[in-house]
PDB file of N, CA and C in Angstrom:
ATOM      1  N   UNK A   1      12.588 -13.557  11.618  1.00  0.00           N
ATOM      2  CA  UNK A   1      12.023 -13.263  10.308  1.00  0.00           C
ATOM      3  C   UNK A   1      10.848 -12.302  10.489  1.00  0.00           C
ATOM      4  N   UNK A   2      10.858 -11.246   9.700  1.00  0.00           N
ATOM      5  CA  UNK A   2       9.788 -10.259   9.716  1.00  0.00           C
ATOM      6  C   UNK A   2       9.112 -10.257   8.352  1.00  0.00           C
ATOM      7  N   UNK A   3       7.785 -10.291   8.364  1.00  0.00           N
ATOM      8  CA  UNK A   3       7.016 -10.206   7.122  1.00  0.00           C
ATOM      9  C   UNK A   3       6.432  -8.801   7.042  1.00  0.00           C
ATOM     10  N   UNK A   4       6.757  -8.116   5.950  1.00  0.00           N
ATOM     11  CA  UNK A   4       6.327  -6.739   5.758  1.00  0.00           C
ATOM     12  C   UNK A   4       5.433  -6.672   4.530  1.00  0.00           C
ATOM     13  N   UNK A   5       4.206  -6.239   4.737  1.00  0.00           N
ATOM     14  CA  UNK A   5       3.273  -6.053   3.640  1.00  0.00           C
ATOM     15  C   UNK A   5       3.347  -4.630   3.130  1.00  0.00           C
ATOM     16  N   UNK A   6       3.379  -4.487   1.828  1.00  0.00           N
ATOM     17  CA  UNK A   6       3.426  -3.158   1.212  1.00  0.00           C
ATOM     18  C   UNK A   6       2.231  -3.021   0.274  1.00  0.00           C
ATOM     19  N   UNK A   7       1.464  -1.963   0.512  1.00  0.00           N
ATOM     20  CA  UNK A   7       0.286  -1.680  -0.309  1.00  0.00           C
ATOM     21  C   UNK A   7       0.580  -0.417  -1.119  1.00  0.00           C
ATOM     22  N   UNK A   8       0.817  -0.560  -2.434  1.00  0.00           N
ATOM     23  CA  UNK A   8       1.028   0.623  -3.275  1.00  0.00           C
ATOM     24  C   UNK A   8      -0.306   1.089  -3.868  1.00  0.00           C
ATOM     25  N   UNK A   9      -0.618   2.364  -3.681  1.00  0.00           N
ATOM     26  CA  UNK A   9      -1.892   2.882  -4.183  1.00  0.00           C
ATOM     27  C   UNK A   9      -1.678   4.268  -4.779  1.00  0.00           C
ATOM     28  N   UNK A  10      -1.411   4.302  -6.052  1.00  0.00           N
ATOM     29  CA  UNK A  10      -1.189   5.568  -6.757  1.00  0.00           C
ATOM     30  C   UNK A  10      -2.527   6.128  -7.221  1.00  0.00           C
ATOM     31  N   UNK A  11      -2.687   7.432  -7.124  1.00  0.00           N
ATOM     32  CA  UNK A  11      -3.979   8.038  -7.469  1.00  0.00           C
ATOM     33  C   UNK A  11      -4.121   8.376  -8.946  1.00  0.00           C
ATOM     34  N   UNK A  12      -3.048   8.348  -9.712  1.00  0.00           N
ATOM     35  CA  UNK A  12      -3.093   8.869 -11.073  1.00  0.00           C
ATOM     36  C   UNK A  12      -3.351   7.868 -12.180  1.00  0.00           C
ATOM     37  N   UNK A  13      -4.212   6.902 -11.968  1.00  0.00           N
ATOM     38  CA  UNK A  13      -4.486   5.939 -13.030  1.00  0.00           C
ATOM     39  C   UNK A  13      -5.073   6.646 -14.249  1.00  0.00           C
ATOM     40  N   UNK A  14      -4.522   6.324 -15.403  1.00  0.00           N
ATOM     41  CA  UNK A  14      -5.016   6.942 -16.634  1.00  0.00           C
ATOM     42  C   UNK A  14      -6.175   6.145 -17.232  1.00  0.00           C
ATOM     43  N   UNK A  15      -6.117   4.830 -17.098  1.00  0.00           N
ATOM     44  CA  UNK A  15      -7.159   3.996 -17.713  1.00  0.00           C
ATOM     45  C   UNK A  15      -8.459   4.011 -16.907  1.00  0.00           C
ATOM     46  N   UNK A  16      -8.358   3.992 -15.576  1.00  0.00           N
ATOM     47  CA  UNK A  16      -9.547   4.035 -14.713  1.00  0.00           C
ATOM     48  C   UNK A  16      -9.265   5.056 -13.609  1.00  0.00           C
ATOM     49  N   UNK A  17      -9.632   6.312 -13.818  1.00  0.00           N
ATOM     50  CA  UNK A  17      -9.344   7.348 -12.823  1.00  0.00           C
ATOM     51  C   UNK A  17      -9.890   7.002 -11.435  1.00  0.00           C
ATOM     52  N   UNK A  18      -9.057   7.213 -10.427  1.00  0.00           N
ATOM     53  CA  UNK A  18      -9.412   6.958  -9.026  1.00  0.00           C
ATOM     54  C   UNK A  18      -9.895   5.538  -8.766  1.00  0.00           C
ATOM     55  N   UNK A  19      -9.323   4.581  -9.488  1.00  0.00           N
ATOM     56  CA  UNK A  19      -9.792   3.197  -9.352  1.00  0.00           C
ATOM     57  C   UNK A  19      -9.636   2.670  -7.935  1.00  0.00           C
ATOM     58  N   UNK A  20      -8.618   3.100  -7.201  1.00  0.00           N
ATOM     59  CA  UNK A  20      -8.394   2.582  -5.850  1.00  0.00           C
ATOM     60  C   UNK A  20      -9.440   3.036  -4.846  1.00  0.00           C
ATOM     61  N   UNK A  21     -10.218   4.073  -5.199  1.00  0.00           N
ATOM     62  CA  UNK A  21     -11.297   4.523  -4.318  1.00  0.00           C
ATOM     63  C   UNK A  21     -12.671   4.105  -4.831  1.00  0.00           C
ATOM     64  N   UNK A  22     -12.699   3.409  -5.955  1.00  0.00           N
ATOM     65  CA  UNK A  22     -13.974   2.916  -6.470  1.00  0.00           C
ATOM     66  C   UNK A  22     -14.577   1.935  -5.477  1.00  0.00           C
ATOM     67  N   UNK A  23     -15.877   2.017  -5.301  1.00  0.00           N
ATOM     68  CA  UNK A  23     -16.545   1.177  -4.323  1.00  0.00           C
ATOM     69  C   UNK A  23     -16.828  -0.215  -4.860  1.00  0.00           C
ATOM     70  N   UNK A  24     -16.592  -1.181  -4.011  1.00  0.00           N
ATOM     71  CA  UNK A  24     -16.977  -2.565  -4.250  1.00  0.00           C
ATOM     72  C   UNK A  24     -17.725  -2.990  -2.999  1.00  0.00           C
ATOM     73  N   UNK A  25     -19.065  -3.076  -3.114  1.00  0.00           N
ATOM     74  CA  UNK A  25     -19.865  -3.409  -1.939  1.00  0.00           C
ATOM     75  C   UNK A  25     -19.748  -2.378  -0.833  1.00  0.00           C
ATOM     76  N   UNK A  26     -19.819  -1.108  -1.163  1.00  0.00           N
ATOM     77  CA  UNK A  26     -19.754   0.006  -0.214  1.00  0.00           C
ATOM     78  C   UNK A  26     -18.388   0.205   0.444  1.00  0.00           C
ATOM     79  N   UNK A  27     -17.364  -0.462  -0.037  1.00  0.00           N
ATOM     80  CA  UNK A  27     -16.007  -0.309   0.490  1.00  0.00           C
ATOM     81  C   UNK A  27     -15.084   0.018  -0.675  1.00  0.00           C
ATOM     82  N   UNK A  28     -14.232   1.034  -0.536  1.00  0.00           N
ATOM     83  CA  UNK A  28     -13.280   1.330  -1.609  1.00  0.00           C
ATOM     84  C   UNK A  28     -12.306   0.171  -1.798  1.00  0.00           C
ATOM     85  N   UNK A  29     -11.814  -0.005  -3.023  1.00  0.00           N
ATOM     86  CA  UNK A  29     -10.875  -1.097  -3.289  1.00  0.00           C
ATOM     87  C   UNK A  29      -9.714  -1.099  -2.304  1.00  0.00           C
ATOM     88  N   UNK A  30      -9.141   0.070  -2.038  1.00  0.00           N
ATOM     89  CA  UNK A  30      -8.000   0.069  -1.124  1.00  0.00           C
ATOM     90  C   UNK A  30      -8.416  -0.315   0.293  1.00  0.00           C
ATOM     91  N   UNK A  31      -9.656  -0.114   0.660  1.00  0.00           N
ATOM     92  CA  UNK A  31     -10.143  -0.543   1.979  1.00  0.00           C
ATOM     93  C   UNK A  31     -10.153  -2.054   2.129  1.00  0.00           C
ATOM     94  N   UNK A  32     -10.507  -2.754   1.060  1.00  0.00           N
ATOM     95  CA  UNK A  32     -10.533  -4.225   1.108  1.00  0.00           C
ATOM     96  C   UNK A  32      -9.154  -4.790   1.414  1.00  0.00           C
ATOM     97  N   UNK A  33      -8.135  -4.263   0.753  1.00  0.00           N
ATOM     98  CA  UNK A  33      -6.793  -4.817   0.951  1.00  0.00           C
ATOM     99  C   UNK A  33      -6.241  -4.431   2.318  1.00  0.00           C
ATOM    100  N   UNK A  34      -6.530  -3.215   2.782  1.00  0.00           N
ATOM    101  CA  UNK A  34      -6.068  -2.820   4.118  1.00  0.00           C
ATOM    102  C   UNK A  34      -6.725  -3.697   5.171  1.00  0.00           C
ATOM    103  N   UNK A  35      -8.027  -3.951   5.035  1.00  0.00           N
ATOM    104  CA  UNK A  35      -8.721  -4.813   6.007  1.00  0.00           C
ATOM    105  C   UNK A  35      -8.158  -6.233   5.999  1.00  0.00           C
ATOM    106  N   UNK A  36      -7.975  -6.798   4.812  1.00  0.00           N
ATOM    107  CA  UNK A  36      -7.474  -8.181   4.715  1.00  0.00           C
ATOM    108  C   UNK A  36      -6.069  -8.296   5.292  1.00  0.00           C
ATOM    109  N   UNK A  37      -5.187  -7.366   4.938  1.00  0.00           N
ATOM    110  CA  UNK A  37      -3.810  -7.421   5.434  1.00  0.00           C
ATOM    111  C   UNK A  37      -3.755  -7.188   6.939  1.00  0.00           C
ATOM    112  N   UNK A  38      -4.621  -6.326   7.445  1.00  0.00           N
ATOM    113  CA  UNK A  38      -4.638  -6.032   8.875  1.00  0.00           C
ATOM    114  C   UNK A  38      -5.106  -7.228   9.696  1.00  0.00           C
ATOM    115  N   UNK A  39      -5.967  -8.041   9.129  1.00  0.00           N
ATOM    116  CA  UNK A  39      -6.463  -9.235   9.829  1.00  0.00           C
ATOM    117  C   UNK A  39      -5.468 -10.389   9.809  1.00  0.00           C
ATOM    118  N   UNK A  40      -4.520 -10.335   8.907  1.00  0.00           N
ATOM    119  CA  UNK A  40      -3.583 -11.441   8.752  1.00  0.00           C
ATOM    120  C   UNK A  40      -2.682 -11.577   9.980  1.00  0.00           C
ATOM    121  N   UNK A  41      -2.511 -12.805  10.424  1.00  0.00           N
ATOM    122  CA  UNK A  41      -1.585 -13.095  11.518  1.00  0.00           C
ATOM    123  C   UNK A  41      -0.168 -13.298  10.989  1.00  0.00           C
ATOM    124  N   UNK A  42       0.006 -13.238   9.677  1.00  0.00           N
ATOM    125  CA  UNK A  42       1.302 -13.508   9.058  1.00  0.00           C
ATOM    126  C   UNK A  42       2.109 -12.247   8.772  1.00  0.00           C
ATOM    127  N   UNK A  43       1.447 -11.097   8.754  1.00  0.00           N
ATOM    128  CA  UNK A  43       2.124  -9.840   8.420  1.00  0.00           C
ATOM    129  C   UNK A  43       2.470  -9.094   9.704  1.00  0.00           C
ATOM    130  N   UNK A  44       3.755  -8.771   9.861  1.00  0.00           N
ATOM    131  CA  UNK A  44       4.223  -8.087  11.067  1.00  0.00           C
ATOM    132  C   UNK A  44       4.126  -6.573  10.971  1.00  0.00           C
ATOM    133  N   UNK A  45       4.408  -6.012   9.808  1.00  0.00           N
ATOM    134  CA  UNK A  45       4.339  -4.575   9.583  1.00  0.00           C
ATOM    135  C   UNK A  45       3.633  -4.340   8.260  1.00  0.00           C
ATOM    136  N   UNK A  46       2.888  -3.240   8.194  1.00  0.00           N
ATOM    137  CA  UNK A  46       2.127  -2.943   6.991  1.00  0.00           C
ATOM    138  C   UNK A  46       2.408  -1.505   6.579  1.00  0.00           C
ATOM    139  N   UNK A  47       2.969  -1.352   5.375  1.00  0.00           N
ATOM    140  CA  UNK A  47       3.316  -0.030   4.843  1.00  0.00           C
ATOM    141  C   UNK A  47       2.363   0.304   3.704  1.00  0.00           C
ATOM    142  N   UNK A  48       1.745   1.468   3.803  1.00  0.00           N
ATOM    143  CA  UNK A  48       0.837   1.952   2.773  1.00  0.00           C
ATOM    144  C   UNK A  48       1.534   3.076   2.023  1.00  0.00           C
ATOM    145  N   UNK A  49       1.739   2.911   0.728  1.00  0.00           N
ATOM    146  CA  UNK A  49       2.452   3.886  -0.091  1.00  0.00           C
ATOM    147  C   UNK A  49       1.502   4.562  -1.068  1.00  0.00           C
ATOM    148  N   UNK A  50       1.499   5.903  -1.042  1.00  0.00           N
ATOM    149  CA  UNK A  50       0.638   6.634  -1.959  1.00  0.00           C
ATOM    150  C   UNK A  50       1.172   8.039  -2.183  1.00  0.00           C
ATOM    151  N   UNK A  51       0.599   8.675  -3.183  1.00  0.00           N
ATOM    152  CA  UNK A  51       0.876  10.076  -3.465  1.00  0.00           C
ATOM    153  C   UNK A  51      -0.310  10.946  -3.060  1.00  0.00           C
ATOM    154  N   UNK A  52      -1.350  10.332  -2.495  1.00  0.00           N
ATOM    155  CA  UNK A  52      -2.611  11.012  -2.256  1.00  0.00           C
ATOM    156  C   UNK A  52      -2.950  11.098  -0.766  1.00  0.00           C
ATOM    157  N   UNK A  53      -3.171  12.318  -0.283  1.00  0.00           N
ATOM    158  CA  UNK A  53      -3.608  12.494   1.106  1.00  0.00           C
ATOM    159  C   UNK A  53      -4.983  11.885   1.320  1.00  0.00           C
ATOM    160  N   UNK A  54      -5.833  11.930   0.294  1.00  0.00           N
ATOM    161  CA  UNK A  54      -7.151  11.306   0.403  1.00  0.00           C
ATOM    162  C   UNK A  54      -7.003   9.789   0.594  1.00  0.00           C
ATOM    163  N   UNK A  55      -6.093   9.169  -0.148  1.00  0.00           N
ATOM    164  CA  UNK A  55      -5.867   7.731   0.000  1.00  0.00           C
ATOM    165  C   UNK A  55      -5.346   7.398   1.391  1.00  0.00           C
ATOM    166  N   UNK A  56      -4.454   8.243   1.934  1.00  0.00           N
ATOM    167  CA  UNK A  56      -3.959   8.033   3.297  1.00  0.00           C
ATOM    168  C   UNK A  56      -5.113   8.097   4.298  1.00  0.00           C
ATOM    169  N   UNK A  57      -5.985   9.072   4.118  1.00  0.00           N
ATOM    170  CA  UNK A  57      -7.132   9.230   5.022  1.00  0.00           C
ATOM    171  C   UNK A  57      -8.042   8.001   4.974  1.00  0.00           C
ATOM    172  N   UNK A  58      -8.328   7.527   3.766  1.00  0.00           N
ATOM    173  CA  UNK A  58      -9.181   6.349   3.609  1.00  0.00           C
ATOM    174  C   UNK A  58      -8.511   5.127   4.233  1.00  0.00           C
ATOM    175  N   UNK A  59      -7.235   4.926   3.935  1.00  0.00           N
ATOM    176  CA  UNK A  59      -6.518   3.761   4.477  1.00  0.00           C
ATOM    177  C   UNK A  59      -6.500   3.802   5.999  1.00  0.00           C
ATOM    178  N   UNK A  60      -6.248   4.980   6.564  1.00  0.00           N
ATOM    179  CA  UNK A  60      -6.199   5.118   8.019  1.00  0.00           C
ATOM    180  C   UNK A  60      -7.546   4.799   8.656  1.00  0.00           C
ATOM    181  N   UNK A  61      -8.638   5.043   7.934  1.00  0.00           N
ATOM    182  CA  UNK A  61      -9.963   4.741   8.480  1.00  0.00           C
ATOM    183  C   UNK A  61     -10.170   3.231   8.645  1.00  0.00           C
ATOM    184  N   UNK A  62      -9.370   2.421   7.948  1.00  0.00           N
ATOM    185  CA  UNK A  62      -9.458   0.968   8.062  1.00  0.00           C
ATOM    186  C   UNK A  62      -8.399   0.395   9.004  1.00  0.00           C
ATOM    187  N   UNK A  63      -7.310   1.142   9.222  1.00  0.00           N
ATOM    188  CA  UNK A  63      -6.257   0.706  10.148  1.00  0.00           C
ATOM    189  C   UNK A  63      -5.399   1.912  10.503  1.00  0.00           C
ATOM    190  N   UNK A  64      -5.535   2.386  11.734  1.00  0.00           N
ATOM    191  CA  UNK A  64      -4.776   3.575  12.129  1.00  0.00           C
ATOM    192  C   UNK A  64      -3.342   3.264  12.552  1.00  0.00           C
ATOM    193  N   UNK A  65      -2.930   1.995  12.426  1.00  0.00           N
ATOM    194  CA  UNK A  65      -1.559   1.611  12.764  1.00  0.00           C
ATOM    195  C   UNK A  65      -0.680   1.398  11.525  1.00  0.00           C
ATOM    196  N   UNK A  66      -1.201   1.759  10.366  1.00  0.00           N
ATOM    197  CA  UNK A  66      -0.414   1.643   9.138  1.00  0.00           C
ATOM    198  C   UNK A  66       0.815   2.545   9.205  1.00  0.00           C
ATOM    199  N   UNK A  67       1.855   2.135   8.524  1.00  0.00           N
ATOM    200  CA  UNK A  67       3.038   2.966   8.327  1.00  0.00           C
ATOM    201  C   UNK A  67       2.860   3.618   6.960  1.00  0.00           C
ATOM    202  N   UNK A  68       2.969   4.940   6.914  1.00  0.00           N
ATOM    203  CA  UNK A  68       2.692   5.651   5.665  1.00  0.00           C
ATOM    204  C   UNK A  68       3.975   6.070   4.956  1.00  0.00           C
ATOM    205  N   UNK A  69       3.978   5.843   3.647  1.00  0.00           N
ATOM    206  CA  UNK A  69       5.082   6.231   2.768  1.00  0.00           C
ATOM    207  C   UNK A  69       4.512   7.189   1.735  1.00  0.00           C
ATOM    208  N   UNK A  70       4.918   8.467   1.830  1.00  0.00           N
ATOM    209  CA  UNK A  70       4.468   9.472   0.865  1.00  0.00           C
ATOM    210  C   UNK A  70       5.419   9.439  -0.321  1.00  0.00           C
ATOM    211  N   UNK A  71       4.893   9.144  -1.481  1.00  0.00           N
ATOM    212  CA  UNK A  71       5.715   9.047  -2.685  1.00  0.00           C
ATOM    213  C   UNK A  71       6.164  10.406  -3.189  1.00  0.00           C
ATOM    214  N   UNK A  72       7.345  10.413  -3.777  1.00  0.00           N
ATOM    215  CA  UNK A  72       7.826  11.619  -4.449  1.00  0.00           C
ATOM    216  C   UNK A  72       7.023  11.806  -5.733  1.00  0.00           C
ATOM    217  N   UNK A  73       7.124  12.974  -6.321  1.00  0.00           N
ATOM    218  CA  UNK A  73       6.381  13.228  -7.562  1.00  0.00           C
ATOM    219  C   UNK A  73       6.842  12.293  -8.683  1.00  0.00           C
ATOM    220  N   UNK A  74       8.142  11.937  -8.691  1.00  0.00           N
ATOM    221  CA  UNK A  74       8.653  11.018  -9.717  1.00  0.00           C
ATOM    222  C   UNK A  74       8.010   9.628  -9.591  1.00  0.00           C
ATOM    223  N   UNK A  75       7.786   9.191  -8.352  1.00  0.00           N
ATOM    224  CA  UNK A  75       7.194   7.862  -8.129  1.00  0.00           C
ATOM    225  C   UNK A  75       5.671   7.881  -8.206  1.00  0.00           C
ATOM    226  N   UNK A  76       5.098   9.065  -8.420  1.00  0.00           N
ATOM    227  CA  UNK A  76       3.647   9.190  -8.561  1.00  0.00           C
ATOM    228  C   UNK A  76       3.204   9.051 -10.001  1.00  0.00           C
ATOM    229  N   UNK A  77       4.174   8.977 -10.896  1.00  0.00           N
ATOM    230  CA  UNK A  77       3.889   8.784 -12.317  1.00  0.00           C
ATOM    231  C   UNK A  77       3.684   7.296 -12.585  1.00  0.00           C
ATOM    232  N   UNK A  78       3.489   6.955 -13.824  1.00  0.00           N
ATOM    233  CA  UNK A  78       3.305   5.559 -14.221  1.00  0.00           C
ATOM    234  C   UNK A  78       4.681   4.890 -14.280  1.00  0.00           C
ATOM    235  N   UNK A  79       5.165   4.440 -13.122  1.00  0.00           N
ATOM    236  CA  UNK A  79       6.489   3.810 -13.015  1.00  0.00           C
ATOM    237  C   UNK A  79       6.311   2.374 -12.514  1.00  0.00           C
ATOM    238  N   UNK A  80       7.285   1.523 -12.757  1.00  0.00           N
ATOM    239  CA  UNK A  80       7.192   0.149 -12.258  1.00  0.00           C
ATOM    240  C   UNK A  80       7.115   0.119 -10.725  1.00  0.00           C
ATOM    241  N   UNK A  81       6.336  -0.795 -10.204  1.00  0.00           N
ATOM    242  CA  UNK A  81       6.178  -0.946  -8.752  1.00  0.00           C
ATOM    243  C   UNK A  81       7.498  -1.223  -8.063  1.00  0.00           C
ATOM    244  N   UNK A  82       8.431  -1.832  -8.781  1.00  0.00           N
ATOM    245  CA  UNK A  82       9.732  -2.134  -8.192  1.00  0.00           C
ATOM    246  C   UNK A  82      10.452  -0.865  -7.734  1.00  0.00           C
ATOM    247  N   UNK A  83      10.274   0.241  -8.460  1.00  0.00           N
ATOM    248  CA  UNK A  83      10.906   1.493  -8.060  1.00  0.00           C
ATOM    249  C   UNK A  83      10.312   2.013  -6.745  1.00  0.00           C
ATOM    250  N   UNK A  84       9.016   1.825  -6.578  1.00  0.00           N
ATOM    251  CA  UNK A  84       8.362   2.213  -5.326  1.00  0.00           C
ATOM    252  C   UNK A  84       8.883   1.334  -4.193  1.00  0.00           C
ATOM    253  N   UNK A  85       8.986   0.031  -4.432  1.00  0.00           N
ATOM    254  CA  UNK A  85       9.506  -0.880  -3.409  1.00  0.00           C
ATOM    255  C   UNK A  85      10.926  -0.508  -3.003  1.00  0.00           C
ATOM    256  N   UNK A  86      11.775  -0.187  -3.970  1.00  0.00           N
ATOM    257  CA  UNK A  86      13.150   0.211  -3.658  1.00  0.00           C
ATOM    258  C   UNK A  86      13.188   1.488  -2.819  1.00  0.00           C
ATOM    259  N   UNK A  87      12.300   2.431  -3.102  1.00  0.00           N
ATOM    260  CA  UNK A  87      12.242   3.659  -2.321  1.00  0.00           C
ATOM    261  C   UNK A  87      11.798   3.367  -0.890  1.00  0.00           C
ATOM    262  N   UNK A  88      10.852   2.474  -0.729  1.00  0.00           N
ATOM    263  CA  UNK A  88      10.403   2.084   0.614  1.00  0.00           C
ATOM    264  C   UNK A  88      11.538   1.403   1.376  1.00  0.00           C
ATOM    265  N   UNK A  89      12.240   0.503   0.710  1.00  0.00           N
ATOM    266  CA  UNK A  89      13.379  -0.167   1.356  1.00  0.00           C
ATOM    267  C   UNK A  89      14.418   0.847   1.821  1.00  0.00           C
ATOM    268  N   UNK A  90      14.659   1.858   1.013  1.00  0.00           N
ATOM    269  CA  UNK A  90      15.647   2.883   1.354  1.00  0.00           C
ATOM    270  C   UNK A  90      15.176   3.750   2.525  1.00  0.00           C
ATOM    271  N   UNK A  91      13.903   4.142   2.504  1.00  0.00           N
ATOM    272  CA  UNK A  91      13.376   5.057   3.515  1.00  0.00           C
ATOM    273  C   UNK A  91      13.020   4.393   4.841  1.00  0.00           C
ATOM    274  N   UNK A  92      12.843   3.089   4.830  1.00  0.00           N
ATOM    275  CA  UNK A  92      12.470   2.368   6.050  1.00  0.00           C
ATOM    276  C   UNK A  92      13.466   1.240   6.327  1.00  0.00           C
ATOM    277  N   UNK A  93      14.740   1.529   6.163  1.00  0.00           N
ATOM    278  CA  UNK A  93      15.788   0.516   6.330  1.00  0.00           C
ATOM    279  C   UNK A  93      15.706  -0.206   7.662  1.00  0.00           C
ATOM    280  N   UNK A  94      15.287   0.498   8.700  1.00  0.00           N
ATOM    281  CA  UNK A  94      15.248  -0.106  10.031  1.00  0.00           C
ATOM    282  C   UNK A  94      14.251  -1.262  10.144  1.00  0.00           C
ATOM    283  N   UNK A  95      13.318  -1.377   9.210  1.00  0.00           N
ATOM    284  CA  UNK A  95      12.332  -2.460   9.249  1.00  0.00           C
ATOM    285  C   UNK A  95      12.824  -3.731   8.570  1.00  0.00           C
ATOM    286  N   UNK A  96      13.855  -3.621   7.757  1.00  0.00           N
ATOM    287  CA  UNK A  96      14.267  -4.729   6.909  1.00  0.00           C
ATOM    288  C   UNK A  96      15.631  -5.274   7.319  1.00  0.00           C
ATOM    289  N   UNK A  97      15.776  -6.583   7.193  1.00  0.00           N
ATOM    290  CA  UNK A  97      17.087  -7.215   7.335  1.00  0.00           C
ATOM    291  C   UNK A  97      17.158  -8.373   6.338  1.00  0.00           C
ATOM    292  N   UNK A  98      18.220  -9.142   6.379  1.00  0.00           N
ATOM    293  CA  UNK A  98      18.408 -10.213   5.389  1.00  0.00           C
ATOM    294  C   UNK A  98      17.372 -11.330   5.504  1.00  0.00           C
ATOM    295  N   UNK A  99      16.633 -11.372   6.616  1.00  0.00           N
ATOM    296  CA  UNK A  99      15.616 -12.410   6.791  1.00  0.00           C
ATOM    297  C   UNK A  99      14.195 -11.919   6.524  1.00  0.00           C
ATOM    298  N   UNK A 100      14.063 -10.664   6.142  1.00  0.00           N
ATOM    299  CA  UNK A 100      12.735 -10.099   5.914  1.00  0.00           C
ATOM    300  C   UNK A 100      12.092 -10.689   4.662  1.00  0.00           C
ATOM    301  N   UNK A 101      10.804 -10.814   4.749  1.00  0.00           N
ATOM    302  CA  UNK A 101       9.996 -11.211   3.597  1.00  0.00           C
ATOM    303  C   UNK A 101       9.097 -10.032   3.263  1.00  0.00           C
ATOM    304  N   UNK A 102       9.094  -9.634   2.004  1.00  0.00           N
ATOM    305  CA  UNK A 102       8.279  -8.504   1.552  1.00  0.00           C
ATOM    306  C   UNK A 102       7.149  -9.045   0.683  1.00  0.00           C
ATOM    307  N   UNK A 103       5.937  -8.627   1.015  1.00  0.00           N
ATOM    308  CA  UNK A 103       4.750  -9.053   0.265  1.00  0.00           C
ATOM    309  C   UNK A 103       4.076  -7.799  -0.282  1.00  0.00           C
ATOM    310  N   UNK A 104       3.930  -7.726  -1.597  1.00  0.00           N
ATOM    311  CA  UNK A 104       3.250  -6.589  -2.199  1.00  0.00           C
ATOM    312  C   UNK A 104       1.786  -6.955  -2.390  1.00  0.00           C
ATOM    313  N   UNK A 105       0.905  -6.084  -1.892  1.00  0.00           N
ATOM    314  CA  UNK A 105      -0.536  -6.329  -1.899  1.00  0.00           C
ATOM    315  C   UNK A 105      -1.229  -5.231  -2.692  1.00  0.00           C
ATOM    316  N   UNK A 106      -1.640  -5.548  -3.900  1.00  0.00           N
ATOM    317  CA  UNK A 106      -2.252  -4.561  -4.797  1.00  0.00           C
ATOM    318  C   UNK A 106      -3.717  -4.326  -4.421  1.00  0.00           C
ATOM    319  N   UNK A 107      -4.152  -3.065  -4.311  1.00  0.00           N
ATOM    320  CA  UNK A 107      -5.559  -2.787  -4.023  1.00  0.00           C
ATOM    321  C   UNK A 107      -6.503  -3.267  -5.124  1.00  0.00           C
ATOM    322  N   UNK A 108      -5.999  -3.432  -6.338  1.00  0.00           N
ATOM    323  CA  UNK A 108      -6.857  -3.823  -7.459  1.00  0.00           C
ATOM    324  C   UNK A 108      -7.129  -5.322  -7.502  1.00  0.00           C
ATOM    325  N   UNK A 109      -6.667  -6.065  -6.515  1.00  0.00           N
ATOM    326  CA  UNK A 109      -7.013  -7.486  -6.390  1.00  0.00           C
ATOM    327  C   UNK A 109      -7.599  -7.716  -5.006  1.00  0.00           C
ATOM    328  N   UNK A 110      -8.841  -7.291  -4.791  1.00  0.00           N
ATOM    329  CA  UNK A 110      -9.427  -7.285  -3.434  1.00  0.00           C
ATOM    330  C   UNK A 110      -9.823  -8.663  -2.898  1.00  0.00           C
ATOM    331  N   UNK A 111      -9.973  -9.653  -3.748  1.00  0.00           N
ATOM    332  CA  UNK A 111     -10.422 -10.970  -3.267  1.00  0.00           C
ATOM    333  C   UNK A 111      -9.218 -11.815  -2.913  1.00  0.00           C
ATOM    334  N   UNK A 112      -8.838 -11.830  -1.658  1.00  0.00           N
ATOM    335  CA  UNK A 112      -7.676 -12.587  -1.175  1.00  0.00           C
ATOM    336  C   UNK A 112      -8.139 -13.731  -0.330  1.00  0.00           C
TER     337      UNK A 112
END
């Protein structure tokens, strides 16, 4: 059994622009989730999905072993997270099998 954590971080929020890079205690929101997931002994692989090179740079500063998923322009719009998950499953098939557990970790919920 493999546990795969997926962190979706889209840069185009309309209600709160750049919310994933907003600081909470001197750490961007996406930094909190990358740090928490990286410390977990339960997650075997961690995929960070974004449309933003800046977000990739920030995430990498918290864990340089992340697997990066660059979203297409269609998935960078306001689309359901399930579509992003399906794209990740398609593009990283070698990580998943029938026993895999997928955990989605939203940057906007930093207190885990």
